[in-house]
Amino acid sequence: MAEKATQNQFSLETITGVLKQYYRIIQLTRKPTNEEFFTIAKVAGAGILLIGVIGFAIYLIMVQLPKLVGF
């Protein structure tokens, strides 16, 4: 009986409904302007840089500091 329930989950109506929802969302999207794109790129780049700095600081604390202290 459990097998029958899982087979009904992938009916044609279900798949069609999901595809219609996806298509509606895609219709709402638009191409960003150059200003929007560069702003998003700057924010993403700053985030990547910040994560790299935090990772490097953790590296220094965990690896180099014990060598300096003498552990």
N, C-alpha and C. Protein backbone atom coordinates (compact mmCIF):
# COMPACT_ATOMS: atom_id res chain seq x y z
N MET A 1 0.82 -1.19 0.00
CA MET A 1 0.00 0.00 0.00
C MET A 1 0.87 1.26 0.00
N ALA A 2 2.03 1.21 0.65
CA ALA A 2 2.92 2.35 0.68
C ALA A 2 3.49 2.63 -0.72
N GLU A 3 3.67 1.57 -1.51
CA GLU A 3 4.18 1.77 -2.87
C GLU A 3 3.19 2.53 -3.73
N LYS A 4 1.91 2.28 -3.52
CA LYS A 4 0.89 2.95 -4.31
C LYS A 4 0.88 4.45 -4.03
N ALA A 5 1.11 4.85 -2.79
CA ALA A 5 1.11 6.27 -2.42
C ALA A 5 2.29 6.99 -3.07
N THR A 6 3.45 6.35 -3.14
CA THR A 6 4.60 7.01 -3.73
C THR A 6 4.46 7.13 -5.25
N GLN A 7 3.75 6.20 -5.87
CA GLN A 7 3.55 6.28 -7.31
C GLN A 7 2.63 7.44 -7.68
N ASN A 8 1.67 7.77 -6.84
CA ASN A 8 0.74 8.85 -7.12
C ASN A 8 1.37 10.22 -6.94
N GLN A 9 2.49 10.32 -6.28
CA GLN A 9 3.15 11.59 -6.06
C GLN A 9 3.67 12.17 -7.38
N PHE A 10 4.00 11.37 -8.32
CA PHE A 10 4.59 11.83 -9.57
C PHE A 10 3.58 11.74 -10.72
N SER A 11 2.38 12.19 -10.49
CA SER A 11 1.38 12.16 -11.54
C SER A 11 1.62 13.30 -12.53
N LEU A 12 1.01 13.20 -13.66
CA LEU A 12 1.17 14.21 -14.71
C LEU A 12 0.65 15.56 -14.24
N GLU A 13 -0.43 15.57 -13.48
CA GLU A 13 -0.99 16.83 -12.99
C GLU A 13 -0.04 17.52 -12.02
N THR A 14 0.61 16.75 -11.18
CA THR A 14 1.55 17.32 -10.23
C THR A 14 2.73 17.95 -10.96
N ILE A 15 3.29 17.25 -11.91
CA ILE A 15 4.44 17.76 -12.66
C ILE A 15 4.03 18.99 -13.46
N THR A 16 2.87 18.97 -14.08
CA THR A 16 2.40 20.11 -14.86
C THR A 16 2.20 21.32 -13.96
N GLY A 17 1.64 21.12 -12.79
CA GLY A 17 1.42 22.22 -11.86
C GLY A 17 2.72 22.86 -11.42
N VAL A 18 3.71 22.04 -11.13
CA VAL A 18 5.01 22.55 -10.70
C VAL A 18 5.67 23.32 -11.83
N LEU A 19 5.61 22.80 -13.04
CA LEU A 19 6.22 23.50 -14.18
C LEU A 19 5.53 24.83 -14.46
N LYS A 20 4.23 24.89 -14.27
CA LYS A 20 3.51 26.17 -14.45
C LYS A 20 3.95 27.19 -13.41
N GLN A 21 4.17 26.74 -12.18
CA GLN A 21 4.65 27.65 -11.14
C GLN A 21 6.05 28.17 -11.47
N TYR A 22 6.92 27.29 -11.93
CA TYR A 22 8.27 27.70 -12.32
C TYR A 22 8.23 28.70 -13.48
N TYR A 23 7.38 28.45 -14.46
CA TYR A 23 7.27 29.33 -15.61
C TYR A 23 6.77 30.71 -15.18
N ARG A 24 5.84 30.75 -14.25
CA ARG A 24 5.32 32.03 -13.76
C ARG A 24 6.41 32.83 -13.06
N ILE A 25 7.26 32.16 -12.30
CA ILE A 25 8.36 32.84 -11.62
C ILE A 25 9.37 33.36 -12.63
N ILE A 26 9.68 32.58 -13.65
CA ILE A 26 10.64 33.01 -14.67
C ILE A 26 10.11 34.23 -15.42
N GLN A 27 8.81 34.32 -15.64
CA GLN A 27 8.25 35.48 -16.32
C GLN A 27 8.41 36.75 -15.50
N LEU A 28 8.50 36.65 -14.18
CA LEU A 28 8.64 37.82 -13.32
C LEU A 28 10.07 38.35 -13.27
N THR A 29 11.03 37.54 -13.67
CA THR A 29 12.42 37.96 -13.58
C THR A 29 12.78 38.92 -14.70
N ARG A 30 13.84 39.68 -14.48
CA ARG A 30 14.33 40.60 -15.50
C ARG A 30 15.84 40.68 -15.40
N LYS A 31 16.44 41.16 -16.46
CA LYS A 31 17.89 41.30 -16.48
C LYS A 31 18.28 42.53 -15.64
N PRO A 32 19.28 42.39 -14.75
CA PRO A 32 19.67 43.54 -13.94
C PRO A 32 20.40 44.59 -14.78
N THR A 33 20.28 45.84 -14.34
CA THR A 33 21.02 46.90 -15.02
C THR A 33 22.50 46.76 -14.67
N ASN A 34 23.34 47.49 -15.40
CA ASN A 34 24.79 47.43 -15.11
C ASN A 34 25.08 47.88 -13.69
N GLU A 35 24.39 48.90 -13.23
CA GLU A 35 24.61 49.41 -11.87
C GLU A 35 24.24 48.35 -10.83
N GLU A 36 23.12 47.69 -11.02
CA GLU A 36 22.71 46.63 -10.09
C GLU A 36 23.71 45.47 -10.11
N PHE A 37 24.15 45.10 -11.30
CA PHE A 37 25.10 43.99 -11.42
C PHE A 37 26.40 44.30 -10.70
N PHE A 38 26.95 45.50 -10.92
CA PHE A 38 28.22 45.84 -10.29
C PHE A 38 28.08 45.99 -8.78
N THR A 39 26.93 46.45 -8.31
CA THR A 39 26.71 46.53 -6.86
C THR A 39 26.68 45.13 -6.25
N ILE A 40 25.98 44.22 -6.89
CA ILE A 40 25.93 42.84 -6.40
C ILE A 40 27.32 42.21 -6.44
N ALA A 41 28.08 42.47 -7.50
CA ALA A 41 29.44 41.92 -7.62
C ALA A 41 30.35 42.47 -6.52
N LYS A 42 30.22 43.76 -6.20
CA LYS A 42 31.03 44.34 -5.13
C LYS A 42 30.70 43.73 -3.78
N VAL A 43 29.42 43.56 -3.50
CA VAL A 43 29.01 42.99 -2.22
C VAL A 43 29.48 41.54 -2.11
N ALA A 44 29.34 40.77 -3.18
CA ALA A 44 29.79 39.38 -3.16
C ALA A 44 31.31 39.31 -2.99
N GLY A 45 32.03 40.17 -3.69
CA GLY A 45 33.49 40.20 -3.56
C GLY A 45 33.93 40.58 -2.15
N ALA A 46 33.24 41.55 -1.55
CA ALA A 46 33.57 41.95 -0.18
C ALA A 46 33.30 40.80 0.78
N GLY A 47 32.22 40.06 0.56
CA GLY A 47 31.92 38.90 1.41
C GLY A 47 32.97 37.82 1.29
N ILE A 48 33.42 37.54 0.07
CA ILE A 48 34.46 36.54 -0.14
C ILE A 48 35.76 36.97 0.52
N LEU A 49 36.09 38.24 0.39
CA LEU A 49 37.30 38.79 1.01
C LEU A 49 37.23 38.69 2.53
N LEU A 50 36.07 39.03 3.09
CA LEU A 50 35.90 38.96 4.54
C LEU A 50 36.03 37.54 5.06
N ILE A 51 35.44 36.59 4.37
CA ILE A 51 35.56 35.18 4.78
C ILE A 51 37.02 34.72 4.68
N GLY A 52 37.74 35.17 3.66
CA GLY A 52 39.15 34.82 3.53
C GLY A 52 39.99 35.39 4.65
N VAL A 53 39.72 36.62 5.04
CA VAL A 53 40.47 37.25 6.14
C VAL A 53 40.18 36.52 7.45
N ILE A 54 38.92 36.18 7.68
CA ILE A 54 38.57 35.44 8.90
C ILE A 54 39.27 34.07 8.91
N GLY A 55 39.27 33.38 7.79
CA GLY A 55 39.94 32.09 7.70
C GLY A 55 41.43 32.19 7.93
N PHE A 56 42.06 33.24 7.39
CA PHE A 56 43.49 33.44 7.59
C PHE A 56 43.79 33.75 9.04
N ALA A 57 42.95 34.54 9.68
CA ALA A 57 43.14 34.85 11.11
C ALA A 57 43.03 33.58 11.94
N ILE A 58 42.07 32.72 11.63
CA ILE A 58 41.93 31.45 12.36
C ILE A 58 43.17 30.59 12.12
N TYR A 59 43.68 30.58 10.90
CA TYR A 59 44.90 29.83 10.60
C TYR A 59 46.06 30.33 11.46
N LEU A 60 46.23 31.65 11.53
CA LEU A 60 47.33 32.20 12.32
C LEU A 60 47.19 31.82 13.78
N ILE A 61 45.97 31.89 14.30
CA ILE A 61 45.75 31.57 15.71
C ILE A 61 46.01 30.09 15.98
N MET A 62 45.54 29.22 15.12
CA MET A 62 45.62 27.78 15.37
C MET A 62 46.99 27.17 15.03
N VAL A 63 47.70 27.72 14.05
CA VAL A 63 48.94 27.09 13.60
C VAL A 63 50.17 27.88 14.01
N GLN A 64 50.18 29.14 13.76
CA GLN A 64 51.39 29.92 13.99
C GLN A 64 51.56 30.36 15.44
N LEU A 65 50.48 30.68 16.12
CA LEU A 65 50.60 31.17 17.50
C LEU A 65 51.21 30.13 18.43
N PRO A 66 50.82 28.84 18.36
CA PRO A 66 51.49 27.86 19.23
C PRO A 66 53.00 27.76 18.98
N LYS A 67 53.42 27.95 17.72
CA LYS A 67 54.86 27.92 17.43
C LYS A 67 55.58 29.09 18.11
N LEU A 68 54.94 30.25 18.12
CA LEU A 68 55.55 31.44 18.72
C LEU A 68 55.60 31.34 20.24
N VAL A 69 54.58 30.74 20.81
CA VAL A 69 54.50 30.64 22.27
C VAL A 69 55.42 29.52 22.77
N GLY A 70 55.63 28.48 21.97
CA GLY A 70 56.54 27.43 22.33
C GLY A 70 55.86 26.12 22.71
N PHE A 71 54.63 25.91 22.29
CA PHE A 71 53.93 24.66 22.60
C PHE A 71 54.39 23.56 21.72
